[in-house]
C-alpha atoms as a PDB file:
ATOM      1  CA  UNK A   1       0.000   0.000   0.000  1.00  0.00           C
ATOM      2  CA  UNK A   2       1.326   3.449  -0.915  1.00  0.00           C
ATOM      3  CA  UNK A   3       2.419   5.580   2.020  1.00  0.00           C
ATOM      4  CA  UNK A   4      -0.050   8.328   2.856  1.00  0.00           C
ATOM      5  CA  UNK A   5       1.464  11.809   2.757  1.00  0.00           C
ATOM      6  CA  UNK A   6      -0.284  14.414   4.876  1.00  0.00           C
ATOM      7  CA  UNK A   7      -0.873  17.665   2.911  1.00  0.00           C
ATOM      8  CA  UNK A   8       1.026  20.698   4.138  1.00  0.00           C
ATOM      9  CA  UNK A   9      -1.063  22.984   6.388  1.00  0.00           C
ATOM     10  CA  UNK A  10      -2.527  25.999   4.618  1.00  0.00           C
ATOM     11  CA  UNK A  11      -1.692  29.395   6.062  1.00  0.00           C
ATOM     12  CA  UNK A  12      -4.925  31.371   6.564  1.00  0.00           C
ATOM     13  CA  UNK A  13      -5.253  34.656   4.719  1.00  0.00           C
ATOM     14  CA  UNK A  14      -5.861  36.417   8.047  1.00  0.00           C
ATOM     15  CA  UNK A  15      -4.619  35.576  11.545  1.00  0.00           C
ATOM     16  CA  UNK A  16      -5.889  36.671  14.944  1.00  0.00           C
ATOM     17  CA  UNK A  17      -3.503  39.617  15.280  1.00  0.00           C
ATOM     18  CA  UNK A  18      -4.422  40.927  11.825  1.00  0.00           C
ATOM     19  CA  UNK A  19      -8.123  40.421  12.576  1.00  0.00           C
ATOM     20  CA  UNK A  20      -7.850  42.621  15.686  1.00  0.00           C
ATOM     21  CA  UNK A  21      -5.920  45.276  13.760  1.00  0.00           C
ATOM     22  CA  UNK A  22      -8.117  45.286  10.670  1.00  0.00           C
ATOM     23  CA  UNK A  23     -11.486  45.265  12.451  1.00  0.00           C
ATOM     24  CA  UNK A  24     -10.710  47.472  15.424  1.00  0.00           C
ATOM     25  CA  UNK A  25     -13.806  49.648  14.915  1.00  0.00           C
ATOM     26  CA  UNK A  26     -17.459  49.272  13.938  1.00  0.00           C
ATOM     27  CA  UNK A  27     -16.852  51.470  10.894  1.00  0.00           C
ATOM     28  CA  UNK A  28     -14.212  49.047   9.610  1.00  0.00           C
ATOM     29  CA  UNK A  29     -16.513  46.062  10.170  1.00  0.00           C
ATOM     30  CA  UNK A  30     -19.440  47.769   8.414  1.00  0.00           C
ATOM     31  CA  UNK A  31     -17.237  48.669   5.442  1.00  0.00           C
ATOM     32  CA  UNK A  32     -16.007  45.061   5.155  1.00  0.00           C
ATOM     33  CA  UNK A  33     -19.536  43.662   5.248  1.00  0.00           C
ATOM     34  CA  UNK A  34     -20.705  46.211   2.672  1.00  0.00           C
ATOM     35  CA  UNK A  35     -17.909  45.166   0.288  1.00  0.00           C
ATOM     36  CA  UNK A  36     -18.862  41.495   0.701  1.00  0.00           C
ATOM     37  CA  UNK A  37     -22.587  42.072   0.354  1.00  0.00           C
ATOM     38  CA  UNK A  38     -22.476  44.639  -2.472  1.00  0.00           C
ATOM     39  CA  UNK A  39     -19.202  44.117  -4.389  1.00  0.00           C
ATOM     40  CA  UNK A  40     -20.457  46.353  -7.219  1.00  0.00           C
ATOM     41  CA  UNK A  41     -21.693  49.129  -4.933  1.00  0.00           C
ATOM     42  CA  UNK A  42     -24.394  49.528  -2.276  1.00  0.00           C
ATOM     43  CA  UNK A  43     -27.954  48.845  -3.412  1.00  0.00           C
ATOM     44  CA  UNK A  44     -31.229  49.416  -1.635  1.00  0.00           C
ATOM     45  CA  UNK A  45     -32.554  46.075  -0.306  1.00  0.00           C
ATOM     46  CA  UNK A  46     -36.129  47.300  -0.859  1.00  0.00           C
ATOM     47  CA  UNK A  47     -36.123  48.749  -4.415  1.00  0.00           C
ATOM     48  CA  UNK A  48     -32.643  47.686  -5.669  1.00  0.00           C
ATOM     49  CA  UNK A  49     -31.751  51.285  -6.510  1.00  0.00           C
ATOM     50  CA  UNK A  50     -28.039  52.118  -6.753  1.00  0.00           C
ATOM     51  CA  UNK A  51     -28.660  55.791  -5.911  1.00  0.00           C
ATOM     52  CA  UNK A  52     -27.614  55.740  -2.272  1.00  0.00           C
ATOM     53  CA  UNK A  53     -26.495  58.379   0.230  1.00  0.00           C
ATOM     54  CA  UNK A  54     -24.384  57.434   3.222  1.00  0.00           C
ATOM     55  CA  UNK A  55     -25.267  58.448   6.791  1.00  0.00           C
ATOM     56  CA  UNK A  56     -21.785  58.046   8.247  1.00  0.00           C
ATOM     57  CA  UNK A  57     -22.662  59.034  11.830  1.00  0.00           C
ATOM     58  CA  UNK A  58     -25.087  56.075  12.169  1.00  0.00           C
ATOM     59  CA  UNK A  59     -23.414  53.507   9.855  1.00  0.00           C
ATOM     60  CA  UNK A  60     -26.540  53.636   7.684  1.00  0.00           C
ATOM     61  CA  UNK A  61     -27.565  54.376   4.104  1.00  0.00           C
ATOM     62  CA  UNK A  62     -30.431  56.421   2.666  1.00  0.00           C
ATOM     63  CA  UNK A  63     -32.030  55.348  -0.623  1.00  0.00           C
ATOM     64  CA  UNK A  64     -32.546  58.389  -2.851  1.00  0.00           C
ATOM     65  CA  UNK A  65     -35.333  56.600  -4.741  1.00  0.00           C
ATOM     66  CA  UNK A  66     -37.652  55.185  -2.060  1.00  0.00           C
ATOM     67  CA  UNK A  67     -36.161  57.022   0.948  1.00  0.00           C
ATOM     68  CA  UNK A  68     -35.638  53.743   2.793  1.00  0.00           C
ATOM     69  CA  UNK A  69     -32.962  53.983   5.457  1.00  0.00           C
ATOM     70  CA  UNK A  70     -31.007  50.793   6.103  1.00  0.00           C
ATOM     71  CA  UNK A  71     -27.714  49.402   7.343  1.00  0.00           C
ATOM     72  CA  UNK A  72     -25.544  46.555   6.108  1.00  0.00           C
ATOM     73  CA  UNK A  73     -27.119  44.357   8.809  1.00  0.00           C
ATOM     74  CA  UNK A  74     -30.650  44.574   7.323  1.00  0.00           C
ATOM     75  CA  UNK A  75     -31.848  41.285   5.860  1.00  0.00           C
ATOM     76  CA  UNK A  76     -28.942  39.301   7.297  1.00  0.00           C
ATOM     77  CA  UNK A  77     -28.376  37.132  10.340  1.00  0.00           C
ATOM     78  CA  UNK A  78     -26.894  40.207  12.077  1.00  0.00           C
ATOM     79  CA  UNK A  79     -30.168  42.159  11.817  1.00  0.00           C
ATOM     80  CA  UNK A  80     -31.660  41.471  15.256  1.00  0.00           C
ATOM     81  CA  UNK A  81     -28.354  41.362  17.145  1.00  0.00           C
ATOM     82  CA  UNK A  82     -27.173  44.110  19.475  1.00  0.00           C
ATOM     83  CA  UNK A  83     -23.648  42.697  19.596  1.00  0.00           C
ATOM     84  CA  UNK A  84     -20.956  44.842  17.980  1.00  0.00           C
ATOM     85  CA  UNK A  85     -19.766  43.408  14.692  1.00  0.00           C
ATOM     86  CA  UNK A  86     -16.205  42.968  15.907  1.00  0.00           C
ATOM     87  CA  UNK A  87     -17.476  40.393  18.429  1.00  0.00           C
ATOM     88  CA  UNK A  88     -19.315  38.596  15.643  1.00  0.00           C
ATOM     89  CA  UNK A  89     -16.111  38.553  13.596  1.00  0.00           C
ATOM     90  CA  UNK A  90     -14.040  37.322  16.536  1.00  0.00           C
ATOM     91  CA  UNK A  91     -16.500  34.511  17.308  1.00  0.00           C
ATOM     92  CA  UNK A  92     -16.613  33.472  13.654  1.00  0.00           C
ATOM     93  CA  UNK A  93     -12.821  33.425  13.421  1.00  0.00           C
ATOM     94  CA  UNK A  94     -12.449  31.345  16.598  1.00  0.00           C
ATOM     95  CA  UNK A  95     -15.024  28.770  15.479  1.00  0.00           C
ATOM     96  CA  UNK A  96     -13.370  28.497  12.070  1.00  0.00           C
ATOM     97  CA  UNK A  97      -9.763  28.245  13.179  1.00  0.00           C
ATOM     98  CA  UNK A  98     -10.131  26.088  16.316  1.00  0.00           C
ATOM     99  CA  UNK A  99      -9.668  22.543  14.991  1.00  0.00           C
ATOM    100  CA  UNK A 100     -11.891  21.119  17.728  1.00  0.00           C
ATOM    101  CA  UNK A 101     -14.174  24.177  17.829  1.00  0.00           C
ATOM    102  CA  UNK A 102     -14.884  26.257  20.918  1.00  0.00           C
ATOM    103  CA  UNK A 103     -17.620  25.974  23.512  1.00  0.00           C
ATOM    104  CA  UNK A 104     -20.071  28.797  24.142  1.00  0.00           C
ATOM    105  CA  UNK A 105     -18.820  29.099  27.749  1.00  0.00           C
ATOM    106  CA  UNK A 106     -15.248  29.580  26.548  1.00  0.00           C
ATOM    107  CA  UNK A 107     -16.490  32.095  23.994  1.00  0.00           C
ATOM    108  CA  UNK A 108     -18.412  33.999  26.654  1.00  0.00           C
ATOM    109  CA  UNK A 109     -15.228  34.353  28.718  1.00  0.00           C
ATOM    110  CA  UNK A 110     -13.157  35.337  25.693  1.00  0.00           C
ATOM    111  CA  UNK A 111     -15.568  37.986  24.378  1.00  0.00           C
ATOM    112  CA  UNK A 112     -16.957  39.192  27.707  1.00  0.00           C
ATOM    113  CA  UNK A 113     -20.582  38.287  26.958  1.00  0.00           C
ATOM    114  CA  UNK A 114     -23.139  36.192  28.823  1.00  0.00           C
ATOM    115  CA  UNK A 115     -23.301  32.435  28.378  1.00  0.00           C
ATOM    116  CA  UNK A 116     -26.794  32.661  26.875  1.00  0.00           C
ATOM    117  CA  UNK A 117     -25.650  35.254  24.328  1.00  0.00           C
ATOM    118  CA  UNK A 118     -22.595  33.171  23.432  1.00  0.00           C
ATOM    119  CA  UNK A 119     -24.715  30.012  22.987  1.00  0.00           C
ATOM    120  CA  UNK A 120     -27.166  31.843  20.718  1.00  0.00           C
ATOM    121  CA  UNK A 121     -24.273  33.423  18.806  1.00  0.00           C
ATOM    122  CA  UNK A 122     -22.525  30.112  18.124  1.00  0.00           C
ATOM    123  CA  UNK A 123     -25.748  28.489  16.920  1.00  0.00           C
ATOM    124  CA  UNK A 124     -26.421  31.329  14.479  1.00  0.00           C
ATOM    125  CA  UNK A 125     -22.924  30.916  13.070  1.00  0.00           C
ATOM    126  CA  UNK A 126     -23.449  27.145  12.783  1.00  0.00           C
ATOM    127  CA  UNK A 127     -26.756  27.737  10.980  1.00  0.00           C
ATOM    128  CA  UNK A 128     -24.868  29.762   8.365  1.00  0.00           C
ATOM    129  CA  UNK A 129     -22.370  26.915   7.885  1.00  0.00           C
ATOM    130  CA  UNK A 130     -25.096  24.578   6.617  1.00  0.00           C
ATOM    131  CA  UNK A 131     -24.667  23.576   2.964  1.00  0.00           C
ATOM    132  CA  UNK A 132     -28.061  23.246   1.291  1.00  0.00           C
ATOM    133  CA  UNK A 133     -26.824  21.566  -1.923  1.00  0.00           C
ATOM    134  CA  UNK A 134     -23.409  19.989  -1.305  1.00  0.00           C
ATOM    135  CA  UNK A 135     -21.560  18.254  -4.137  1.00  0.00           C
ATOM    136  CA  UNK A 136     -21.804  14.466  -4.235  1.00  0.00           C
ATOM    137  CA  UNK A 137     -18.788  12.435  -3.167  1.00  0.00           C
ATOM    138  CA  UNK A 138     -16.866  10.673  -5.934  1.00  0.00           C
ATOM    139  CA  UNK A 139     -13.696   8.663  -6.439  1.00  0.00           C
ATOM    140  CA  UNK A 140     -12.908   6.368  -3.502  1.00  0.00           C
ATOM    141  CA  UNK A 141     -15.401   6.838  -0.671  1.00  0.00           C
ATOM    142  CA  UNK A 142     -15.266   5.447   2.847  1.00  0.00           C
ATOM    143  CA  UNK A 143     -18.501   4.981   4.810  1.00  0.00           C
ATOM    144  CA  UNK A 144     -19.041   4.253   8.469  1.00  0.00           C
ATOM    145  CA  UNK A 145     -21.325   4.995  11.398  1.00  0.00           C
ATOM    146  CA  UNK A 146     -20.770   5.914  15.026  1.00  0.00           C
ATOM    147  CA  UNK A 147     -22.793   6.391  18.177  1.00  0.00           C
ATOM    148  CA  UNK A 148     -22.700   9.681  20.076  1.00  0.00           C
ATOM    149  CA  UNK A 149     -24.033   9.922  23.599  1.00  0.00           C
ATOM    150  CA  UNK A 150     -23.472   9.629  27.320  1.00  0.00           C
ATOM    151  CA  UNK A 151     -21.407   7.043  29.130  1.00  0.00           C
ATOM    152  CA  UNK A 152     -22.980   4.040  30.791  1.00  0.00           C
ATOM    153  CA  UNK A 153     -22.275   2.746  34.294  1.00  0.00           C
ATOM    154  CA  UNK A 154     -19.749  -0.040  34.808  1.00  0.00           C
ATOM    155  CA  UNK A 155     -22.156  -2.972  34.948  1.00  0.00           C
ATOM    156  CA  UNK A 156     -24.331  -1.688  32.149  1.00  0.00           C
ATOM    157  CA  UNK A 157     -21.266  -0.730  30.117  1.00  0.00           C
ATOM    158  CA  UNK A 158     -19.871  -4.258  30.420  1.00  0.00           C
ATOM    159  CA  UNK A 159     -23.217  -5.661  29.282  1.00  0.00           C
ATOM    160  CA  UNK A 160     -23.164  -3.309  26.295  1.00  0.00           C
ATOM    161  CA  UNK A 161     -19.683  -4.435  25.255  1.00  0.00           C
ATOM    162  CA  UNK A 162     -20.680  -8.077  25.532  1.00  0.00           C
ATOM    163  CA  UNK A 163     -23.821  -7.463  23.459  1.00  0.00           C
ATOM    164  CA  UNK A 164     -21.832  -5.567  20.822  1.00  0.00           C
ATOM    165  CA  UNK A 165     -19.402  -8.466  20.494  1.00  0.00           C
ATOM    166  CA  UNK A 166     -22.320 -10.886  20.121  1.00  0.00           C
ATOM    167  CA  UNK A 167     -23.922  -8.661  17.472  1.00  0.00           C
ATOM    168  CA  UNK A 168     -20.768  -8.604  15.371  1.00  0.00           C
ATOM    169  CA  UNK A 169     -20.194 -12.321  15.800  1.00  0.00           C
ATOM    170  CA  UNK A 170     -23.758 -13.182  14.729  1.00  0.00           C
ATOM    171  CA  UNK A 171     -23.988 -10.488  12.053  1.00  0.00           C
ATOM    172  CA  UNK A 172     -26.794  -8.578  13.732  1.00  0.00           C
ATOM    173  CA  UNK A 173     -27.475  -4.870  13.659  1.00  0.00           C
ATOM    174  CA  UNK A 174     -28.267  -3.179  16.945  1.00  0.00           C
ATOM    175  CA  UNK A 175     -30.041   0.003  15.994  1.00  0.00           C
ATOM    176  CA  UNK A 176     -32.974  -0.476  18.376  1.00  0.00           C
ATOM    177  CA  UNK A 177     -31.325  -1.973  21.466  1.00  0.00           C
ATOM    178  CA  UNK A 178     -32.594  -0.413  24.682  1.00  0.00           C
ATOM    179  CA  UNK A 179     -29.012   0.173  25.877  1.00  0.00           C
ATOM    180  CA  UNK A 180     -28.561   2.468  22.872  1.00  0.00           C
ATOM    181  CA  UNK A 181     -31.417   4.678  24.083  1.00  0.00           C
ATOM    182  CA  UNK A 182     -29.053   7.330  25.453  1.00  0.00           C
ATOM    183  CA  UNK A 183     -27.027   7.503  22.242  1.00  0.00           C
ATOM    184  CA  UNK A 184     -27.608   8.968  18.793  1.00  0.00           C
ATOM    185  CA  UNK A 185     -26.428   7.350  15.572  1.00  0.00           C
ATOM    186  CA  UNK A 186     -24.411   9.412  13.104  1.00  0.00           C
ATOM    187  CA  UNK A 187     -23.820   8.204   9.540  1.00  0.00           C
ATOM    188  CA  UNK A 188     -20.740   9.392   7.697  1.00  0.00           C
ATOM    189  CA  UNK A 189     -19.038   9.150   4.310  1.00  0.00           C
ATOM    190  CA  UNK A 190     -15.796  10.770   3.209  1.00  0.00           C
ATOM    191  CA  UNK A 191     -14.141  11.088  -0.174  1.00  0.00           C
ATOM    192  CA  UNK A 192     -10.445  10.342   0.105  1.00  0.00           C
ATOM    193  CA  UNK A 193      -8.630  13.647  -0.209  1.00  0.00           C
ATOM    194  CA  UNK A 194     -12.002  15.400  -0.408  1.00  0.00           C
ATOM    195  CA  UNK A 195     -15.127  16.238   1.559  1.00  0.00           C
ATOM    196  CA  UNK A 196     -17.054  14.555   4.328  1.00  0.00           C
ATOM    197  CA  UNK A 197     -20.827  14.176   4.654  1.00  0.00           C
ATOM    198  CA  UNK A 198     -22.449  13.561   8.047  1.00  0.00           C
ATOM    199  CA  UNK A 199     -26.054  12.959   9.059  1.00  0.00           C
ATOM    200  CA  UNK A 200     -27.984  11.883  12.135  1.00  0.00           C
ATOM    201  CA  UNK A 201     -29.591   8.506  11.439  1.00  0.00           C
ATOM    202  CA  UNK A 202     -32.577   6.759  12.982  1.00  0.00           C
ATOM    203  CA  UNK A 203     -30.715   3.418  13.054  1.00  0.00           C
ATOM    204  CA  UNK A 204     -28.002   1.474  11.221  1.00  0.00           C
ATOM    205  CA  UNK A 205     -30.317  -0.832   9.311  1.00  0.00           C
ATOM    206  CA  UNK A 206     -29.853  -1.478   5.599  1.00  0.00           C
ATOM    207  CA  UNK A 207     -32.652   0.813   4.378  1.00  0.00           C
ATOM    208  CA  UNK A 208     -31.292   3.772   6.391  1.00  0.00           C
ATOM    209  CA  UNK A 209     -27.663   3.236   5.380  1.00  0.00           C
ATOM    210  CA  UNK A 210     -28.457   2.752   1.690  1.00  0.00           C
ATOM    211  CA  UNK A 211     -30.678   5.867   1.584  1.00  0.00           C
ATOM    212  CA  UNK A 212     -27.881   7.961   3.127  1.00  0.00           C
ATOM    213  CA  UNK A 213     -25.294   6.720   0.622  1.00  0.00           C
ATOM    214  CA  UNK A 214     -27.645   7.348  -2.325  1.00  0.00           C
ATOM    215  CA  UNK A 215     -28.021  10.941  -1.140  1.00  0.00           C
ATOM    216  CA  UNK A 216     -24.307  11.732  -0.680  1.00  0.00           C
ATOM    217  CA  UNK A 217     -22.346   9.497  -3.089  1.00  0.00           C
ATOM    218  CA  UNK A 218     -22.264  10.003  -6.861  1.00  0.00           C
ATOM    219  CA  UNK A 219     -23.380   7.118  -9.085  1.00  0.00           C
ATOM    220  CA  UNK A 220     -19.984   7.042 -10.815  1.00  0.00           C
ATOM    221  CA  UNK A 221     -17.927   6.782  -7.615  1.00  0.00           C
ATOM    222  CA  UNK A 222     -15.033   4.367  -8.109  1.00  0.00           C
ATOM    223  CA  UNK A 223     -15.399   2.431  -4.873  1.00  0.00           C
ATOM    224  CA  UNK A 224     -17.057   2.444  -1.460  1.00  0.00           C
ATOM    225  CA  UNK A 225     -15.091   0.901   1.390  1.00  0.00           C
ATOM    226  CA  UNK A 226     -16.828  -0.020   4.661  1.00  0.00           C
ATOM    227  CA  UNK A 227     -16.482  -2.301   7.658  1.00  0.00           C
ATOM    228  CA  UNK A 228     -18.196  -5.694   8.025  1.00  0.00           C
ATOM    229  CA  UNK A 229     -21.658  -4.355   8.993  1.00  0.00           C
ATOM    230  CA  UNK A 230     -24.212  -6.311   6.959  1.00  0.00           C
ATOM    231  CA  UNK A 231     -26.202  -3.176   6.184  1.00  0.00           C
ATOM    232  CA  UNK A 232     -23.533  -2.362   3.577  1.00  0.00           C
ATOM    233  CA  UNK A 233     -23.685  -5.737   1.795  1.00  0.00           C
ATOM    234  CA  UNK A 234     -25.763  -4.587  -1.211  1.00  0.00           C
ATOM    235  CA  UNK A 235     -24.332  -1.134  -1.959  1.00  0.00           C
ATOM    236  CA  UNK A 236     -21.996  -2.133  -4.816  1.00  0.00           C
ATOM    237  CA  UNK A 237     -23.043  -2.093  -8.482  1.00  0.00           C
ATOM    238  CA  UNK A 238     -21.516  -2.182 -11.978  1.00  0.00           C
ATOM    239  CA  UNK A 239     -20.138   1.348 -11.629  1.00  0.00           C
ATOM    240  CA  UNK A 240     -19.009   1.293  -8.007  1.00  0.00           C
ATOM    241  CA  UNK A 241     -17.221  -1.611  -6.362  1.00  0.00           C
ATOM    242  CA  UNK A 242     -17.772  -2.335  -2.683  1.00  0.00           C
ATOM    243  CA  UNK A 243     -15.234  -3.943  -0.405  1.00  0.00           C
ATOM    244  CA  UNK A 244     -15.153  -4.268   3.358  1.00  0.00           C
ATOM    245  CA  UNK A 245     -12.577  -4.865   6.063  1.00  0.00           C
ATOM    246  CA  UNK A 246     -13.471  -7.143   8.952  1.00  0.00           C
ATOM    247  CA  UNK A 247     -12.679  -5.253  12.131  1.00  0.00           C
ATOM    248  CA  UNK A 248     -14.070  -8.086  14.261  1.00  0.00           C
ATOM    249  CA  UNK A 249     -11.343 -10.356  12.844  1.00  0.00           C
ATOM    250  CA  UNK A 250      -8.711  -7.661  13.559  1.00  0.00           C
ATOM    251  CA  UNK A 251      -8.449  -6.774   9.866  1.00  0.00           C
ATOM    252  CA  UNK A 252      -7.881  -3.018   9.575  1.00  0.00           C
ATOM    253  CA  UNK A 253      -6.229  -2.638   6.156  1.00  0.00           C
ATOM    254  CA  UNK A 254      -6.245  -4.890   3.094  1.00  0.00           C
ATOM    255  CA  UNK A 255      -4.282  -3.319   0.267  1.00  0.00           C
ATOM    256  CA  UNK A 256      -6.092  -0.049  -0.501  1.00  0.00           C
ATOM    257  CA  UNK A 257      -9.229  -1.111   1.380  1.00  0.00           C
ATOM    258  CA  UNK A 258      -9.694   0.541   4.784  1.00  0.00           C
ATOM    259  CA  UNK A 259     -11.930   3.003   6.649  1.00  0.00           C
ATOM    260  CA  UNK A 260      -9.153   4.896   8.414  1.00  0.00           C
ATOM    261  CA  UNK A 261     -10.070   8.248   6.856  1.00  0.00           C
ATOM    262  CA  UNK A 262     -13.670   8.313   8.040  1.00  0.00           C
ATOM    263  CA  UNK A 263     -12.638   6.933  11.441  1.00  0.00           C
ATOM    264  CA  UNK A 264     -10.136   9.782  11.733  1.00  0.00           C
ATOM    265  CA  UNK A 265     -13.035  12.175  11.154  1.00  0.00           C
ATOM    266  CA  UNK A 266     -15.004  10.439  13.934  1.00  0.00           C
ATOM    267  CA  UNK A 267     -12.021  10.740  16.247  1.00  0.00           C
ATOM    268  CA  UNK A 268     -11.642  14.459  15.562  1.00  0.00           C
ATOM    269  CA  UNK A 269     -15.365  15.113  16.074  1.00  0.00           C
ATOM    270  CA  UNK A 270     -15.472  13.171  19.338  1.00  0.00           C
ATOM    271  CA  UNK A 271     -12.370  14.966  20.590  1.00  0.00           C
ATOM    272  CA  UNK A 272     -14.271  18.215  20.097  1.00  0.00           C
ATOM    273  CA  UNK A 273     -17.084  16.846  22.279  1.00  0.00           C
ATOM    274  CA  UNK A 274     -14.720  15.639  24.999  1.00  0.00           C
ATOM    275  CA  UNK A 275     -12.288  18.556  24.909  1.00  0.00           C
ATOM    276  CA  UNK A 276     -14.488  21.539  24.009  1.00  0.00           C
ATOM    277  CA  UNK A 277     -18.212  20.923  24.433  1.00  0.00           C
ATOM    278  CA  UNK A 278     -18.048  18.135  27.088  1.00  0.00           C
ATOM    279  CA  UNK A 279     -21.645  17.323  26.241  1.00  0.00           C
ATOM    280  CA  UNK A 280     -24.233  18.243  23.636  1.00  0.00           C
ATOM    281  CA  UNK A 281     -27.885  17.433  23.097  1.00  0.00           C
ATOM    282  CA  UNK A 282     -29.297  15.155  20.429  1.00  0.00           C
ATOM    283  CA  UNK A 283     -31.676  17.995  19.502  1.00  0.00           C
ATOM    284  CA  UNK A 284     -28.821  20.223  18.295  1.00  0.00           C
ATOM    285  CA  UNK A 285     -26.446  17.471  17.126  1.00  0.00           C
ATOM    286  CA  UNK A 286     -27.154  18.255  13.464  1.00  0.00           C
ATOM    287  CA  UNK A 287     -25.888  21.819  13.985  1.00  0.00           C
ATOM    288  CA  UNK A 288     -22.607  20.606  15.479  1.00  0.00           C
ATOM    289  CA  UNK A 289     -22.223  18.160  12.586  1.00  0.00           C
ATOM    290  CA  UNK A 290     -22.782  21.008  10.107  1.00  0.00           C
ATOM    291  CA  UNK A 291     -20.050  23.050  11.805  1.00  0.00           C
ATOM    292  CA  UNK A 292     -17.599  20.134  11.782  1.00  0.00           C
ATOM    293  CA  UNK A 293     -18.423  19.315   8.159  1.00  0.00           C
ATOM    294  CA  UNK A 294     -17.934  22.944   7.046  1.00  0.00           C
ATOM    295  CA  UNK A 295     -14.596  23.252   8.814  1.00  0.00           C
ATOM    296  CA  UNK A 296     -13.357  19.826   7.617  1.00  0.00           C
ATOM    297  CA  UNK A 297     -14.333  20.461   3.994  1.00  0.00           C
ATOM    298  CA  UNK A 298     -12.592  23.854   4.051  1.00  0.00           C
ATOM    299  CA  UNK A 299      -9.426  22.649   5.772  1.00  0.00           C
ATOM    300  CA  UNK A 300      -7.337  23.671   2.735  1.00  0.00           C
ATOM    301  CA  UNK A 301      -9.170  26.983   2.212  1.00  0.00           C
ATOM    302  CA  UNK A 302      -7.034  29.996   3.249  1.00  0.00           C
ATOM    303  CA  UNK A 303     -10.102  32.246   2.964  1.00  0.00           C
ATOM    304  CA  UNK A 304     -12.253  30.267   5.393  1.00  0.00           C
ATOM    305  CA  UNK A 305     -13.024  33.299   7.574  1.00  0.00           C
ATOM    306  CA  UNK A 306     -14.120  35.422   4.607  1.00  0.00           C
ATOM    307  CA  UNK A 307     -16.245  32.633   3.143  1.00  0.00           C
ATOM    308  CA  UNK A 308     -17.923  32.014   6.504  1.00  0.00           C
ATOM    309  CA  UNK A 309     -18.753  35.717   6.881  1.00  0.00           C
ATOM    310  CA  UNK A 310     -20.243  35.575   3.365  1.00  0.00           C
ATOM    311  CA  UNK A 311     -22.471  32.752   4.586  1.00  0.00           C
ATOM    312  CA  UNK A 312     -23.524  34.888   7.552  1.00  0.00           C
ATOM    313  CA  UNK A 313     -24.484  37.733   5.208  1.00  0.00           C
ATOM    314  CA  UNK A 314     -26.623  35.417   3.086  1.00  0.00           C
ATOM    315  CA  UNK A 315     -28.138  33.363   5.940  1.00  0.00           C
ATOM    316  CA  UNK A 316     -31.688  33.813   7.147  1.00  0.00           C
ATOM    317  CA  UNK A 317     -32.314  35.116  10.655  1.00  0.00           C
ATOM    318  CA  UNK A 318     -32.455  32.377  13.288  1.00  0.00           C
ATOM    319  CA  UNK A 319     -34.689  33.576  16.100  1.00  0.00           C
ATOM    320  CA  UNK A 320     -34.025  32.449  19.655  1.00  0.00           C
ATOM    321  CA  UNK A 321     -37.564  31.120  20.156  1.00  0.00           C
ATOM    322  CA  UNK A 322     -37.136  28.947  17.053  1.00  0.00           C
ATOM    323  CA  UNK A 323     -33.805  27.637  18.310  1.00  0.00           C
ATOM    324  CA  UNK A 324     -35.173  26.517  21.676  1.00  0.00           C
ATOM    325  CA  UNK A 325     -38.600  25.383  20.414  1.00  0.00           C
END
């Protein structure tokens, strides 16, 4: 098997010191957002007129056609926020550049805001990181699943391990076991050298796994590599070969066949839970997966901060009552 060479780390186009220097004032932040939102010049969000007067003292604009007064925040995720933009920019930068993310409590201490404000802020940034129409995975794809949830007590944990061993030995799936009730299943697929796709799943049965792979993997993918779970048995076809490694038999790599890439993604995501978040709810798990997916897929993008701010400009407002509903 060819030795894997880790790509050289990409230097971001802006670092923390430059961020503090460049966006030291609200005027600088407003000007940056205006350039991102209206690269060809400011336009009225109501009538699309380009005849605009600037009200510099209030960081606002006045439309000469319909007399609508607006700021760069109008119609964006920033619209209903009283936080200064430099705190938005700092939070966005920290979530983008921290490999294992940052908890809302840590962010509240760093930015000097309340825990509730920091939690709401991080979830609005995560909402902007969601990709509505991501590209399908192609080439060689690895697929796997993992369980995310709380720890079990010693006796119950030992029973779980024994049951898991029996499941693998007998070829059973365990998506509905009562000892899984405190855990949530996450399905994942990663293109080697490319993007990852993650989704919360109801179970790890064949119909669920196959539906997920149909949604995220291109029909002309070269191969899909998995472990020995029987739910993957029928995913190969004339265009895409399917091979599996048997982890139960201590087989981790067979030639080019392995699931090490997707398992590395699981490891990184779970380290963020253990090291940063400590715990997270199943209700908001999708949001944390979106954040991880966005950061992982842009790991070679030096303009990650700028592209994330662009997402914030285009994102719809996420109201607090909707978030906690």
